[in-house]
């Protein structure tokens, strides 16, 4: 039971922290889908 609770806790922490961590390292949809060759008409 302790292992299950530890796994659930780890999942919650990772799920909550992932968007912030990925944004800090520059892995976002906005940065990947735009660049200098984007047409803005």
PDB file of N, CA and C in Angstrom:
ATOM      1  N   UNK A   1       0.826  -1.195   0.000  1.00  0.00           N
ATOM      2  CA  UNK A   1       0.000   0.000   0.000  1.00  0.00           C
ATOM      3  C   UNK A   1       0.873   1.263   0.000  1.00  0.00           C
ATOM      4  N   UNK A   2       2.002   1.215   0.703  1.00  0.00           N
ATOM      5  CA  UNK A   2       2.887   2.375   0.739  1.00  0.00           C
ATOM      6  C   UNK A   2       3.452   2.681  -0.648  1.00  0.00           C
ATOM      7  N   UNK A   3       3.776   1.643  -1.389  1.00  0.00           N
ATOM      8  CA  UNK A   3       4.322   1.849  -2.733  1.00  0.00           C
ATOM      9  C   UNK A   3       3.279   2.480  -3.649  1.00  0.00           C
ATOM     10  N   UNK A   4       2.036   2.055  -3.523  1.00  0.00           N
ATOM     11  CA  UNK A   4       0.968   2.629  -4.333  1.00  0.00           C
ATOM     12  C   UNK A   4       0.781   4.106  -4.003  1.00  0.00           C
ATOM     13  N   UNK A   5       0.754   4.458  -2.748  1.00  0.00           N
ATOM     14  CA  UNK A   5       0.582   5.852  -2.354  1.00  0.00           C
ATOM     15  C   UNK A   5       1.775   6.708  -2.796  1.00  0.00           C
ATOM     16  N   UNK A   6       2.969   6.135  -2.718  1.00  0.00           N
ATOM     17  CA  UNK A   6       4.151   6.857  -3.180  1.00  0.00           C
ATOM     18  C   UNK A   6       4.085   7.084  -4.686  1.00  0.00           C
ATOM     19  N   UNK A   7       3.609   6.106  -5.433  1.00  0.00           N
ATOM     20  CA  UNK A   7       3.492   6.249  -6.881  1.00  0.00           C
ATOM     21  C   UNK A   7       2.443   7.299  -7.243  1.00  0.00           C
ATOM     22  N   UNK A   8       1.322   7.286  -6.563  1.00  0.00           N
ATOM     23  CA  UNK A   8       0.281   8.276  -6.829  1.00  0.00           C
ATOM     24  C   UNK A   8       0.778   9.675  -6.483  1.00  0.00           C
ATOM     25  N   UNK A   9       1.476   9.805  -5.382  1.00  0.00           N
ATOM     26  CA  UNK A   9       2.040  11.104  -4.994  1.00  0.00           C
ATOM     27  C   UNK A   9       3.041  11.591  -6.033  1.00  0.00           C
ATOM     28  N   UNK A  10       3.884  10.697  -6.515  1.00  0.00           N
ATOM     29  CA  UNK A  10       4.862  11.057  -7.537  1.00  0.00           C
ATOM     30  C   UNK A  10       4.167  11.494  -8.825  1.00  0.00           C
ATOM     31  N   UNK A  11       3.097  10.798  -9.209  1.00  0.00           N
ATOM     32  CA  UNK A  11       2.358  11.184 -10.405  1.00  0.00           C
ATOM     33  C   UNK A  11       1.762  12.582 -10.273  1.00  0.00           C
ATOM     34  N   UNK A  12       1.214  12.878  -9.119  1.00  0.00           N
ATOM     35  CA  UNK A  12       0.606  14.190  -8.900  1.00  0.00           C
ATOM     36  C   UNK A  12       1.666  15.286  -8.960  1.00  0.00           C
ATOM     37  N   UNK A  13       2.805  15.051  -8.325  1.00  0.00           N
ATOM     38  CA  UNK A  13       3.878  16.049  -8.318  1.00  0.00           C
ATOM     39  C   UNK A  13       4.415  16.274  -9.724  1.00  0.00           C
ATOM     40  N   UNK A  14       4.645  15.202 -10.457  1.00  0.00           N
ATOM     41  CA  UNK A  14       5.171  15.323 -11.821  1.00  0.00           C
ATOM     42  C   UNK A  14       4.165  16.020 -12.722  1.00  0.00           C
ATOM     43  N   UNK A  15       2.890  15.676 -12.580  1.00  0.00           N
ATOM     44  CA  UNK A  15       1.856  16.293 -13.405  1.00  0.00           C
ATOM     45  C   UNK A  15       1.734  17.785 -13.122  1.00  0.00           C
ATOM     46  N   UNK A  16       1.870  18.169 -11.883  1.00  0.00           N
ATOM     47  CA  UNK A  16       1.749  19.583 -11.525  1.00  0.00           C
ATOM     48  C   UNK A  16       2.989  20.376 -11.933  1.00  0.00           C
ATOM     49  N   UNK A  17       4.163  19.762 -11.869  1.00  0.00           N
ATOM     50  CA  UNK A  17       5.412  20.477 -12.135  1.00  0.00           C
ATOM     51  C   UNK A  17       5.814  20.465 -13.605  1.00  0.00           C
ATOM     52  N   UNK A  18       5.303  19.554 -14.401  1.00  0.00           N
ATOM     53  CA  UNK A  18       5.738  19.411 -15.792  1.00  0.00           C
ATOM     54  C   UNK A  18       5.538  20.671 -16.635  1.00  0.00           C
ATOM     55  N   UNK A  19       4.383  21.305 -16.604  1.00  0.00           N
ATOM     56  CA  UNK A  19       4.243  22.508 -17.453  1.00  0.00           C
ATOM     57  C   UNK A  19       5.244  23.605 -17.114  1.00  0.00           C
ATOM     58  N   UNK A  20       5.515  23.811 -15.850  1.00  0.00           N
ATOM     59  CA  UNK A  20       6.470  24.839 -15.439  1.00  0.00           C
ATOM     60  C   UNK A  20       7.894  24.465 -15.857  1.00  0.00           C
ATOM     61  N   UNK A  21       8.259  23.208 -15.658  1.00  0.00           N
ATOM     62  CA  UNK A  21       9.609  22.762 -16.007  1.00  0.00           C
ATOM     63  C   UNK A  21       9.827  22.817 -17.518  1.00  0.00           C
ATOM     64  N   UNK A  22       8.846  22.363 -18.303  1.00  0.00           N
ATOM     65  CA  UNK A  22       9.002  22.377 -19.748  1.00  0.00           C
ATOM     66  C   UNK A  22       9.034  23.801 -20.287  1.00  0.00           C
ATOM     67  N   UNK A  23       8.289  24.691 -19.685  1.00  0.00           N
ATOM     68  CA  UNK A  23       8.309  26.088 -20.111  1.00  0.00           C
ATOM     69  C   UNK A  23       9.653  26.731 -19.802  1.00  0.00           C
ATOM     70  N   UNK A  24      10.279  26.379 -18.694  1.00  0.00           N
ATOM     71  CA  UNK A  24      11.566  26.946 -18.316  1.00  0.00           C
ATOM     72  C   UNK A  24      12.685  26.522 -19.260  1.00  0.00           C
ATOM     73  N   UNK A  25      12.621  25.298 -19.786  1.00  0.00           N
ATOM     74  CA  UNK A  25      13.684  24.836 -20.682  1.00  0.00           C
ATOM     75  C   UNK A  25      13.399  25.186 -22.136  1.00  0.00           C
ATOM     76  N   UNK A  26      12.289  25.892 -22.394  1.00  0.00           N
ATOM     77  CA  UNK A  26      12.003  26.348 -23.744  1.00  0.00           C
ATOM     78  C   UNK A  26      11.266  25.355 -24.597  1.00  0.00           C
ATOM     79  N   UNK A  27      10.618  24.396 -24.015  1.00  0.00           N
ATOM     80  CA  UNK A  27       9.877  23.391 -24.771  1.00  0.00           C
ATOM     81  C   UNK A  27       8.396  23.729 -24.696  1.00  0.00           C
ATOM     82  N   UNK A  28       7.990  24.670 -25.552  1.00  0.00           N
ATOM     83  CA  UNK A  28       6.586  25.056 -25.581  1.00  0.00           C
ATOM     84  C   UNK A  28       6.092  25.047 -27.020  1.00  0.00           C
ATOM     85  N   UNK A  29       4.806  24.921 -27.193  1.00  0.00           N
ATOM     86  CA  UNK A  29       4.229  24.886 -28.534  1.00  0.00           C
ATOM     87  C   UNK A  29       4.456  26.209 -29.250  1.00  0.00           C
ATOM     88  N   UNK A  30       4.415  27.302 -28.537  1.00  0.00           N
ATOM     89  CA  UNK A  30       4.608  28.615 -29.159  1.00  0.00           C
ATOM     90  C   UNK A  30       6.021  28.756 -29.721  1.00  0.00           C
ATOM     91  N   UNK A  31       7.010  28.255 -29.021  1.00  0.00           N
ATOM     92  CA  UNK A  31       8.385  28.376 -29.488  1.00  0.00           C
ATOM     93  C   UNK A  31       8.699  27.370 -30.592  1.00  0.00           C
ATOM     94  N   UNK A  32       8.049  26.220 -30.570  1.00  0.00           N
ATOM     95  CA  UNK A  32       8.317  25.212 -31.588  1.00  0.00           C
ATOM     96  C   UNK A  32       7.600  25.498 -32.897  1.00  0.00           C
ATOM     97  N   UNK A  33       6.460  26.167 -32.853  1.00  0.00           N
ATOM     98  CA  UNK A  33       5.678  26.365 -34.075  1.00  0.00           C
ATOM     99  C   UNK A  33       5.856  27.741 -34.696  1.00  0.00           C
ATOM    100  N   UNK A  34       6.699  28.576 -34.133  1.00  0.00           N
ATOM    101  CA  UNK A  34       6.944  29.887 -34.728  1.00  0.00           C
ATOM    102  C   UNK A  34       8.439  30.086 -34.913  1.00  0.00           C
ATOM    103  N   UNK A  35       8.741  30.906 -35.866  1.00  0.00           N
ATOM    104  CA  UNK A  35      10.145  31.178 -36.133  1.00  0.00           C
ATOM    105  C   UNK A  35      10.284  32.441 -36.958  1.00  0.00           C
ATOM    106  N   UNK A  36      11.442  32.633 -37.523  1.00  0.00           N
ATOM    107  CA  UNK A  36      11.692  33.851 -38.277  1.00  0.00           C
ATOM    108  C   UNK A  36      10.994  33.824 -39.639  1.00  0.00           C
ATOM    109  N   UNK A  37      10.598  32.651 -40.133  1.00  0.00           N
ATOM    110  CA  UNK A  37       9.980  32.526 -41.447  1.00  0.00           C
ATOM    111  C   UNK A  37       8.456  32.443 -41.380  1.00  0.00           C
ATOM    112  N   UNK A  38       7.864  32.902 -40.325  1.00  0.00           N
ATOM    113  CA  UNK A  38       6.408  32.870 -40.175  1.00  0.00           C
ATOM    114  C   UNK A  38       5.797  34.081 -40.839  1.00  0.00           C
ATOM    115  N   UNK A  39       4.781  33.853 -41.673  1.00  0.00           N
ATOM    116  CA  UNK A  39       4.098  34.961 -42.354  1.00  0.00           C
ATOM    117  C   UNK A  39       2.995  35.494 -41.446  1.00  0.00           C
ATOM    118  N   UNK A  40       3.022  36.781 -41.231  1.00  0.00           N
ATOM    119  CA  UNK A  40       1.995  37.442 -40.422  1.00  0.00           C
ATOM    120  C   UNK A  40       1.256  38.434 -41.303  1.00  0.00           C
ATOM    121  N   UNK A  41       0.237  37.962 -42.002  1.00  0.00           N
ATOM    122  CA  UNK A  41      -0.537  38.838 -42.893  1.00  0.00           C
ATOM    123  C   UNK A  41      -1.794  39.320 -42.225  1.00  0.00           C
TER     124      UNK A  41
END
